Amino acid sequence: MSFLTNPWVISILAMGFILGNILALRKVSQVQMRKTKTMSDLEKLSELEKKNKQRIDAIENSKQEAAHQKTPNENDKADS
């Protein structure tokens, strides 16, 4: 029984308890950080939809510009 009341044993147990709690807190904070950084599936889908919409708009704009460029040239040839 006197072994448990030895100051060295008490100090080692206290240090172990403190270090264990610190490591547990670090692990919990890492898990919470991962949760906040990752997007949900719905957010990922909405981001992909926005990007695809921008690509589609860019393609449509380039097609319209190409059609407008062809139209004046064809009219010039028809007039000649």
PDB file of N, CA and C in Angstrom:
ATOM      1  N   MET A   1       0.818  -1.194   0.000  1.00  0.00           N
ATOM      2  CA  MET A   1       0.000   0.000   0.000  1.00  0.00           C
ATOM      3  C   MET A   1       0.861   1.258   0.000  1.00  0.00           C
ATOM      4  N   SER A   2       2.006   1.181   0.642  1.00  0.00           N
ATOM      5  CA  SER A   2       2.884   2.346   0.673  1.00  0.00           C
ATOM      6  C   SER A   2       3.455   2.643  -0.714  1.00  0.00           C
ATOM      7  N   PHE A   3       3.436   1.645  -1.597  1.00  0.00           N
ATOM      8  CA  PHE A   3       3.937   1.848  -2.964  1.00  0.00           C
ATOM      9  C   PHE A   3       3.065   2.862  -3.715  1.00  0.00           C
ATOM     10  N   LEU A   4       1.755   2.817  -3.533  1.00  0.00           N
ATOM     11  CA  LEU A   4       0.849   3.719  -4.227  1.00  0.00           C
ATOM     12  C   LEU A   4       0.939   5.157  -3.728  1.00  0.00           C
ATOM     13  N   THR A   5       1.386   5.344  -2.507  1.00  0.00           N
ATOM     14  CA  THR A   5       1.500   6.700  -1.964  1.00  0.00           C
ATOM     15  C   THR A   5       2.881   7.307  -2.204  1.00  0.00           C
ATOM     16  N   ASN A   6       3.748   6.581  -2.898  1.00  0.00           N
ATOM     17  CA  ASN A   6       5.074   7.087  -3.230  1.00  0.00           C
ATOM     18  C   ASN A   6       4.903   8.273  -4.191  1.00  0.00           C
ATOM     19  N   PRO A   7       5.587   9.388  -3.944  1.00  0.00           N
ATOM     20  CA  PRO A   7       5.444  10.570  -4.800  1.00  0.00           C
ATOM     21  C   PRO A   7       5.807  10.304  -6.263  1.00  0.00           C
ATOM     22  N   TRP A   8       6.765   9.433  -6.521  1.00  0.00           N
ATOM     23  CA  TRP A   8       7.149   9.121  -7.898  1.00  0.00           C
ATOM     24  C   TRP A   8       6.017   8.400  -8.641  1.00  0.00           C
ATOM     25  N   VAL A   9       5.373   7.495  -7.960  1.00  0.00           N
ATOM     26  CA  VAL A   9       4.270   6.753  -8.581  1.00  0.00           C
ATOM     27  C   VAL A   9       3.108   7.710  -8.860  1.00  0.00           C
ATOM     28  N   ILE A  10       2.803   8.556  -7.921  1.00  0.00           N
ATOM     29  CA  ILE A  10       1.714   9.532  -8.108  1.00  0.00           C
ATOM     30  C   ILE A  10       2.052  10.477  -9.257  1.00  0.00           C
ATOM     31  N   SER A  11       3.302  10.926  -9.345  1.00  0.00           N
ATOM     32  CA  SER A  11       3.721  11.831 -10.413  1.00  0.00           C
ATOM     33  C   SER A  11       3.604  11.164 -11.787  1.00  0.00           C
ATOM     34  N   ILE A  12       4.035   9.915 -11.874  1.00  0.00           N
ATOM     35  CA  ILE A  12       3.973   9.194 -13.149  1.00  0.00           C
ATOM     36  C   ILE A  12       2.517   8.974 -13.565  1.00  0.00           C
ATOM     37  N   LEU A  13       1.670   8.614 -12.621  1.00  0.00           N
ATOM     38  CA  LEU A  13       0.253   8.430 -12.942  1.00  0.00           C
ATOM     39  C   LEU A  13      -0.398   9.740 -13.378  1.00  0.00           C
ATOM     40  N   ALA A  14      -0.060  10.826 -12.714  1.00  0.00           N
ATOM     41  CA  ALA A  14      -0.623  12.128 -13.076  1.00  0.00           C
ATOM     42  C   ALA A  14      -0.162  12.541 -14.476  1.00  0.00           C
ATOM     43  N   MET A  15       1.120  12.343 -14.774  1.00  0.00           N
ATOM     44  CA  MET A  15       1.650  12.683 -16.098  1.00  0.00           C
ATOM     45  C   MET A  15       0.981  11.835 -17.180  1.00  0.00           C
ATOM     46  N   GLY A  16       0.796  10.557 -16.892  1.00  0.00           N
ATOM     47  CA  GLY A  16       0.133   9.676 -17.848  1.00  0.00           C
ATOM     48  C   GLY A  16      -1.302  10.115 -18.108  1.00  0.00           C
ATOM     49  N   PHE A  17      -1.991  10.500 -17.049  1.00  0.00           N
ATOM     50  CA  PHE A  17      -3.366  10.960 -17.188  1.00  0.00           C
ATOM     51  C   PHE A  17      -3.438  12.241 -18.020  1.00  0.00           C
ATOM     52  N   ILE A  18      -2.559  13.175 -17.756  1.00  0.00           N
ATOM     53  CA  ILE A  18      -2.542  14.447 -18.482  1.00  0.00           C
ATOM     54  C   ILE A  18      -2.188  14.224 -19.953  1.00  0.00           C
ATOM     55  N   LEU A  19      -1.148  13.435 -20.219  1.00  0.00           N
ATOM     56  CA  LEU A  19      -0.748  13.177 -21.599  1.00  0.00           C
ATOM     57  C   LEU A  19      -1.838  12.420 -22.365  1.00  0.00           C
ATOM     58  N   GLY A  20      -2.480  11.494 -21.697  1.00  0.00           N
ATOM     59  CA  GLY A  20      -3.569  10.759 -22.342  1.00  0.00           C
ATOM     60  C   GLY A  20      -4.705  11.677 -22.737  1.00  0.00           C
ATOM     61  N   ASN A  21      -5.062  12.603 -21.866  1.00  0.00           N
ATOM     62  CA  ASN A  21      -6.130  13.550 -22.186  1.00  0.00           C
ATOM     63  C   ASN A  21      -5.733  14.490 -23.325  1.00  0.00           C
ATOM     64  N   ILE A  22      -4.492  14.924 -23.335  1.00  0.00           N
ATOM     65  CA  ILE A  22      -4.023  15.808 -24.413  1.00  0.00           C
ATOM     66  C   ILE A  22      -4.063  15.080 -25.748  1.00  0.00           C
ATOM     67  N   LEU A  23      -3.599  13.838 -25.784  1.00  0.00           N
ATOM     68  CA  LEU A  23      -3.626  13.074 -27.025  1.00  0.00           C
ATOM     69  C   LEU A  23      -5.060  12.810 -27.477  1.00  0.00           C
ATOM     70  N   ALA A  24      -5.949  12.538 -26.542  1.00  0.00           N
ATOM     71  CA  ALA A  24      -7.349  12.318 -26.897  1.00  0.00           C
ATOM     72  C   ALA A  24      -7.966  13.590 -27.472  1.00  0.00           C
ATOM     73  N   LEU A  25      -7.655  14.738 -26.913  1.00  0.00           N
ATOM     74  CA  LEU A  25      -8.178  15.999 -27.436  1.00  0.00           C
ATOM     75  C   LEU A  25      -7.651  16.292 -28.834  1.00  0.00           C
ATOM     76  N   ARG A  26      -6.386  15.979 -29.077  1.00  0.00           N
ATOM     77  CA  ARG A  26      -5.826  16.188 -30.408  1.00  0.00           C
ATOM     78  C   ARG A  26      -6.532  15.314 -31.435  1.00  0.00           C
ATOM     79  N   LYS A  27      -6.792  14.077 -31.062  1.00  0.00           N
ATOM     80  CA  LYS A  27      -7.468  13.156 -31.972  1.00  0.00           C
ATOM     81  C   LYS A  27      -8.892  13.633 -32.278  1.00  0.00           C
ATOM     82  N   VAL A  28      -9.597  14.088 -31.259  1.00  0.00           N
ATOM     83  CA  VAL A  28     -10.961  14.570 -31.452  1.00  0.00           C
ATOM     84  C   VAL A  28     -10.964  15.821 -32.326  1.00  0.00           C
ATOM     85  N   SER A  29     -10.023  16.712 -32.122  1.00  0.00           N
ATOM     86  CA  SER A  29      -9.989  17.939 -32.921  1.00  0.00           C
ATOM     87  C   SER A  29      -9.673  17.626 -34.375  1.00  0.00           C
ATOM     88  N   GLN A  30      -8.843  16.638 -34.647  1.00  0.00           N
ATOM     89  CA  GLN A  30      -8.548  16.258 -36.028  1.00  0.00           C
ATOM     90  C   GLN A  30      -9.786  15.695 -36.703  1.00  0.00           C
ATOM     91  N   VAL A  31     -10.573  14.922 -35.985  1.00  0.00           N
ATOM     92  CA  VAL A  31     -11.790  14.352 -36.551  1.00  0.00           C
ATOM     93  C   VAL A  31     -12.768  15.471 -36.871  1.00  0.00           C
ATOM     94  N   GLN A  32     -12.913  16.443 -35.992  1.00  0.00           N
ATOM     95  CA  GLN A  32     -13.825  17.554 -36.230  1.00  0.00           C
ATOM     96  C   GLN A  32     -13.353  18.408 -37.395  1.00  0.00           C
ATOM     97  N   MET A  33     -12.054  18.598 -37.543  1.00  0.00           N
ATOM     98  CA  MET A  33     -11.532  19.389 -38.650  1.00  0.00           C
ATOM     99  C   MET A  33     -11.804  18.689 -39.969  1.00  0.00           C
ATOM    100  N   ARG A  34     -11.682  17.376 -40.018  1.00  0.00           N
ATOM    101  CA  ARG A  34     -11.971  16.640 -41.238  1.00  0.00           C
ATOM    102  C   ARG A  34     -13.436  16.795 -41.619  1.00  0.00           C
ATOM    103  N   LYS A  35     -14.307  16.798 -40.640  1.00  0.00           N
ATOM    104  CA  LYS A  35     -15.728  16.929 -40.927  1.00  0.00           C
ATOM    105  C   LYS A  35     -16.043  18.288 -41.522  1.00  0.00           C
ATOM    106  N   THR A  36     -15.408  19.331 -41.029  1.00  0.00           N
ATOM    107  CA  THR A  36     -15.711  20.667 -41.529  1.00  0.00           C
ATOM    108  C   THR A  36     -15.088  20.898 -42.897  1.00  0.00           C
ATOM    109  N   LYS A  37     -13.965  20.269 -43.193  1.00  0.00           N
ATOM    110  CA  LYS A  37     -13.305  20.488 -44.469  1.00  0.00           C
ATOM    111  C   LYS A  37     -13.984  19.731 -45.600  1.00  0.00           C
ATOM    112  N   THR A  38     -14.510  18.561 -45.322  1.00  0.00           N
ATOM    113  CA  THR A  38     -15.117  17.779 -46.388  1.00  0.00           C
ATOM    114  C   THR A  38     -16.516  18.285 -46.683  1.00  0.00           C
ATOM    115  N   MET A  39     -16.868  18.243 -47.947  1.00  0.00           N
ATOM    116  CA  MET A  39     -18.193  18.687 -48.358  1.00  0.00           C
ATOM    117  C   MET A  39     -19.123  17.485 -48.391  1.00  0.00           C
ATOM    118  N   SER A  40     -20.374  17.768 -48.200  1.00  0.00           N
ATOM    119  CA  SER A  40     -21.351  16.696 -48.298  1.00  0.00           C
ATOM    120  C   SER A  40     -21.557  16.351 -49.769  1.00  0.00           C
ATOM    121  N   ASP A  41     -22.215  15.240 -50.024  1.00  0.00           N
ATOM    122  CA  ASP A  41     -22.455  14.807 -51.395  1.00  0.00           C
ATOM    123  C   ASP A  41     -23.289  15.832 -52.158  1.00  0.00           C
ATOM    124  N   LEU A  42     -24.245  16.425 -51.480  1.00  0.00           N
ATOM    125  CA  LEU A  42     -25.094  17.413 -52.136  1.00  0.00           C
ATOM    126  C   LEU A  42     -24.288  18.636 -52.556  1.00  0.00           C
ATOM    127  N   GLU A  43     -23.374  19.078 -51.690  1.00  0.00           N
ATOM    128  CA  GLU A  43     -22.536  20.227 -52.028  1.00  0.00           C
ATOM    129  C   GLU A  43     -21.609  19.902 -53.196  1.00  0.00           C
ATOM    130  N   LYS A  44     -21.073  18.675 -53.227  1.00  0.00           N
ATOM    131  CA  LYS A  44     -20.205  18.274 -54.330  1.00  0.00           C
ATOM    132  C   LYS A  44     -20.974  18.269 -55.643  1.00  0.00           C
ATOM    133  N   LEU A  45     -22.195  17.743 -55.604  1.00  0.00           N
ATOM    134  CA  LEU A  45     -23.005  17.708 -56.816  1.00  0.00           C
ATOM    135  C   LEU A  45     -23.359  19.110 -57.307  1.00  0.00           C
ATOM    136  N   SER A  46     -23.656  20.000 -56.389  1.00  0.00           N
ATOM    137  CA  SER A  46     -23.991  21.366 -56.806  1.00  0.00           C
ATOM    138  C   SER A  46     -22.772  22.060 -57.409  1.00  0.00           C
ATOM    139  N   GLU A  47     -21.590  21.819 -56.867  1.00  0.00           N
ATOM    140  CA  GLU A  47     -20.367  22.394 -57.442  1.00  0.00           C
ATOM    141  C   GLU A  47     -20.131  21.851 -58.851  1.00  0.00           C
ATOM    142  N   LEU A  48     -20.309  20.543 -59.030  1.00  0.00           N
ATOM    143  CA  LEU A  48     -20.125  19.952 -60.351  1.00  0.00           C
ATOM    144  C   LEU A  48     -21.143  20.504 -61.346  1.00  0.00           C
ATOM    145  N   GLU A  49     -22.366  20.691 -60.879  1.00  0.00           N
ATOM    146  CA  GLU A  49     -23.406  21.228 -61.754  1.00  0.00           C
ATOM    147  C   GLU A  49     -23.061  22.646 -62.209  1.00  0.00           C
ATOM    148  N   LYS A  50     -22.541  23.463 -61.296  1.00  0.00           N
ATOM    149  CA  LYS A  50     -22.143  24.825 -61.651  1.00  0.00           C
ATOM    150  C   LYS A  50     -21.023  24.812 -62.695  1.00  0.00           C
ATOM    151  N   LYS A  51     -20.025  23.941 -62.480  1.00  0.00           N
ATOM    152  CA  LYS A  51     -18.913  23.869 -63.430  1.00  0.00           C
ATOM    153  C   LYS A  51     -19.385  23.395 -64.799  1.00  0.00           C
ATOM    154  N   ASN A  52     -20.247  22.385 -64.806  1.00  0.00           N
ATOM    155  CA  ASN A  52     -20.758  21.880 -66.085  1.00  0.00           C
ATOM    156  C   ASN A  52     -21.601  22.926 -66.793  1.00  0.00           C
ATOM    157  N   LYS A  53     -22.384  23.678 -66.053  1.00  0.00           N
ATOM    158  CA  LYS A  53     -23.204  24.744 -66.640  1.00  0.00           C
ATOM    159  C   LYS A  53     -22.310  25.802 -67.288  1.00  0.00           C
ATOM    160  N   GLN A  54     -21.208  26.146 -66.620  1.00  0.00           N
ATOM    161  CA  GLN A  54     -20.282  27.126 -67.189  1.00  0.00           C
ATOM    162  C   GLN A  54     -19.652  26.593 -68.471  1.00  0.00           C
ATOM    163  N   ARG A  55     -19.289  25.309 -68.480  1.00  0.00           N
ATOM    164  CA  ARG A  55     -18.705  24.719 -69.689  1.00  0.00           C
ATOM    165  C   ARG A  55     -19.709  24.711 -70.829  1.00  0.00           C
ATOM    166  N   ILE A  56     -20.931  24.334 -70.525  1.00  0.00           N
ATOM    167  CA  ILE A  56     -21.967  24.292 -71.563  1.00  0.00           C
ATOM    168  C   ILE A  56     -22.210  25.688 -72.118  1.00  0.00           C
ATOM    169  N   ASP A  57     -22.276  26.688 -71.246  1.00  0.00           N
ATOM    170  CA  ASP A  57     -22.473  28.066 -71.701  1.00  0.00           C
ATOM    171  C   ASP A  57     -21.318  28.529 -72.585  1.00  0.00           C
ATOM    172  N   ALA A  58     -20.095  28.156 -72.217  1.00  0.00           N
ATOM    173  CA  ALA A  58     -18.935  28.547 -73.014  1.00  0.00           C
ATOM    174  C   ALA A  58     -18.982  27.891 -74.385  1.00  0.00           C
ATOM    175  N   ILE A  59     -19.378  26.639 -74.446  1.00  0.00           N
ATOM    176  CA  ILE A  59     -19.469  25.935 -75.731  1.00  0.00           C
ATOM    177  C   ILE A  59     -20.553  26.564 -76.599  1.00  0.00           C
ATOM    178  N   GLU A  60     -21.699  26.855 -75.996  1.00  0.00           N
ATOM    179  CA  GLU A  60     -22.788  27.474 -76.756  1.00  0.00           C
ATOM    180  C   GLU A  60     -22.394  28.852 -77.274  1.00  0.00           C
ATOM    181  N   ASN A  61     -21.682  29.614 -76.456  1.00  0.00           N
ATOM    182  CA  ASN A  61     -21.232  30.941 -76.894  1.00  0.00           C
ATOM    183  C   ASN A  61     -20.251  30.837 -78.053  1.00  0.00           C
ATOM    184  N   SER A  62     -19.344  29.872 -77.980  1.00  0.00           N
ATOM    185  CA  SER A  62     -18.377  29.719 -79.072  1.00  0.00           C
ATOM    186  C   SER A  62     -19.072  29.271 -80.351  1.00  0.00           C
ATOM    187  N   LYS A  63     -20.109  28.432 -80.230  1.00  0.00           N
ATOM    188  CA  LYS A  63     -20.866  28.019 -81.423  1.00  0.00           C
ATOM    189  C   LYS A  63     -21.596  29.209 -82.023  1.00  0.00           C
ATOM    190  N   GLN A  64     -22.186  30.045 -81.178  1.00  0.00           N
ATOM    191  CA  GLN A  64     -22.896  31.222 -81.676  1.00  0.00           C
ATOM    192  C   GLN A  64     -21.943  32.192 -82.351  1.00  0.00           C
ATOM    193  N   GLU A  65     -20.764  32.372 -81.767  1.00  0.00           N
ATOM    194  CA  GLU A  65     -19.775  33.260 -82.380  1.00  0.00           C
ATOM    195  C   GLU A  65     -19.312  32.713 -83.717  1.00  0.00           C
ATOM    196  N   ALA A  66     -19.141  31.400 -83.789  1.00  0.00           N
ATOM    197  CA  ALA A  66     -18.725  30.787 -85.052  1.00  0.00           C
ATOM    198  C   ALA A  66     -19.824  30.947 -86.096  1.00  0.00           C
ATOM    199  N   ALA A  67     -21.077  30.819 -85.690  1.00  0.00           N
ATOM    200  CA  ALA A  67     -22.192  30.983 -86.627  1.00  0.00           C
ATOM    201  C   ALA A  67     -22.275  32.428 -87.111  1.00  0.00           C
ATOM    202  N   HIS A  68     -22.031  33.378 -86.245  1.00  0.00           N
ATOM    203  CA  HIS A  68     -22.064  34.792 -86.632  1.00  0.00           C
ATOM    204  C   HIS A  68     -20.916  35.134 -87.567  1.00  0.00           C
ATOM    205  N   GLN A  69     -19.774  34.494 -87.375  1.00  0.00           N
ATOM    206  CA  GLN A  69     -18.640  34.764 -88.248  1.00  0.00           C
ATOM    207  C   GLN A  69     -18.864  34.181 -89.635  1.00  0.00           C
ATOM    208  N   LYS A  70     -19.523  33.037 -89.725  1.00  0.00           N
ATOM    209  CA  LYS A  70     -19.781  32.407 -91.016  1.00  0.00           C
ATOM    210  C   LYS A  70     -20.842  33.172 -91.799  1.00  0.00           C
ATOM    211  N   THR A  71     -21.829  33.705 -91.116  1.00  0.00           N
ATOM    212  CA  THR A  71     -22.953  34.369 -91.780  1.00  0.00           C
ATOM    213  C   THR A  71     -22.506  35.581 -92.613  1.00  0.00           C
ATOM    214  N   PRO A  72     -21.715  36.512 -92.122  1.00  0.00           N
ATOM    215  CA  PRO A  72     -21.304  37.654 -92.965  1.00  0.00           C
ATOM    216  C   PRO A  72     -20.462  37.216 -94.152  1.00  0.00           C
ATOM    217  N   ASN A  73     -19.597  36.248 -93.989  1.00  0.00           N
ATOM    218  CA  ASN A  73     -18.763  35.778 -95.092  1.00  0.00           C
ATOM    219  C   ASN A  73     -19.614  35.167 -96.190  1.00  0.00           C
ATOM    220  N   GLU A  74     -20.629  34.400 -95.805  1.00  0.00           N
ATOM    221  CA  GLU A  74     -21.509  33.785 -96.794  1.00  0.00           C
ATOM    222  C   GLU A  74     -22.315  34.862 -97.524  1.00  0.00           C
ATOM    223  N   ASN A  75     -22.744  35.898 -96.801  1.00  0.00           N
ATOM    224  CA  ASN A  75     -23.481  36.987 -97.443  1.00  0.00           C
ATOM    225  C   ASN A  75     -22.610  37.743 -98.434  1.00  0.00           C
ATOM    226  N   ASP A  76     -21.327  37.920 -98.103  1.00  0.00           N
ATOM    227  CA  ASP A  76     -20.406  38.611 -99.005  1.00  0.00           C
ATOM    228  C   ASP A  76     -20.230  37.798-100.298  1.00  0.00           C
ATOM    229  N   LYS A  77     -20.155  36.492-100.193  1.00  0.00           N
ATOM    230  CA  LYS A  77     -19.983  35.630-101.346  1.00  0.00           C
ATOM    231  C   LYS A  77     -21.254  35.637-102.217  1.00  0.00           C
ATOM    232  N   ALA A  78     -22.402  35.705-101.570  1.00  0.00           N
ATOM    233  CA  ALA A  78     -23.656  35.716-102.313  1.00  0.00           C
ATOM    234  C   ALA A  78     -23.831  37.013-103.073  1.00  0.00           C
ATOM    235  N   ASP A  79     -23.356  38.121-102.516  1.00  0.00           N
ATOM    236  CA  ASP A  79     -23.476  39.423-103.172  1.00  0.00           C
ATOM    237  C   ASP A  79     -22.566  39.510-104.401  1.00  0.00           C
ATOM    238  N   SER A  80     -21.452  38.799-104.409  1.00  0.00           N
ATOM    239  CA  SER A  80     -20.482  38.903-105.509  1.00  0.00           C
ATOM    240  C   SER A  80     -20.916  38.234-106.757  1.00  0.00           C
TER     241      SER A  80
END
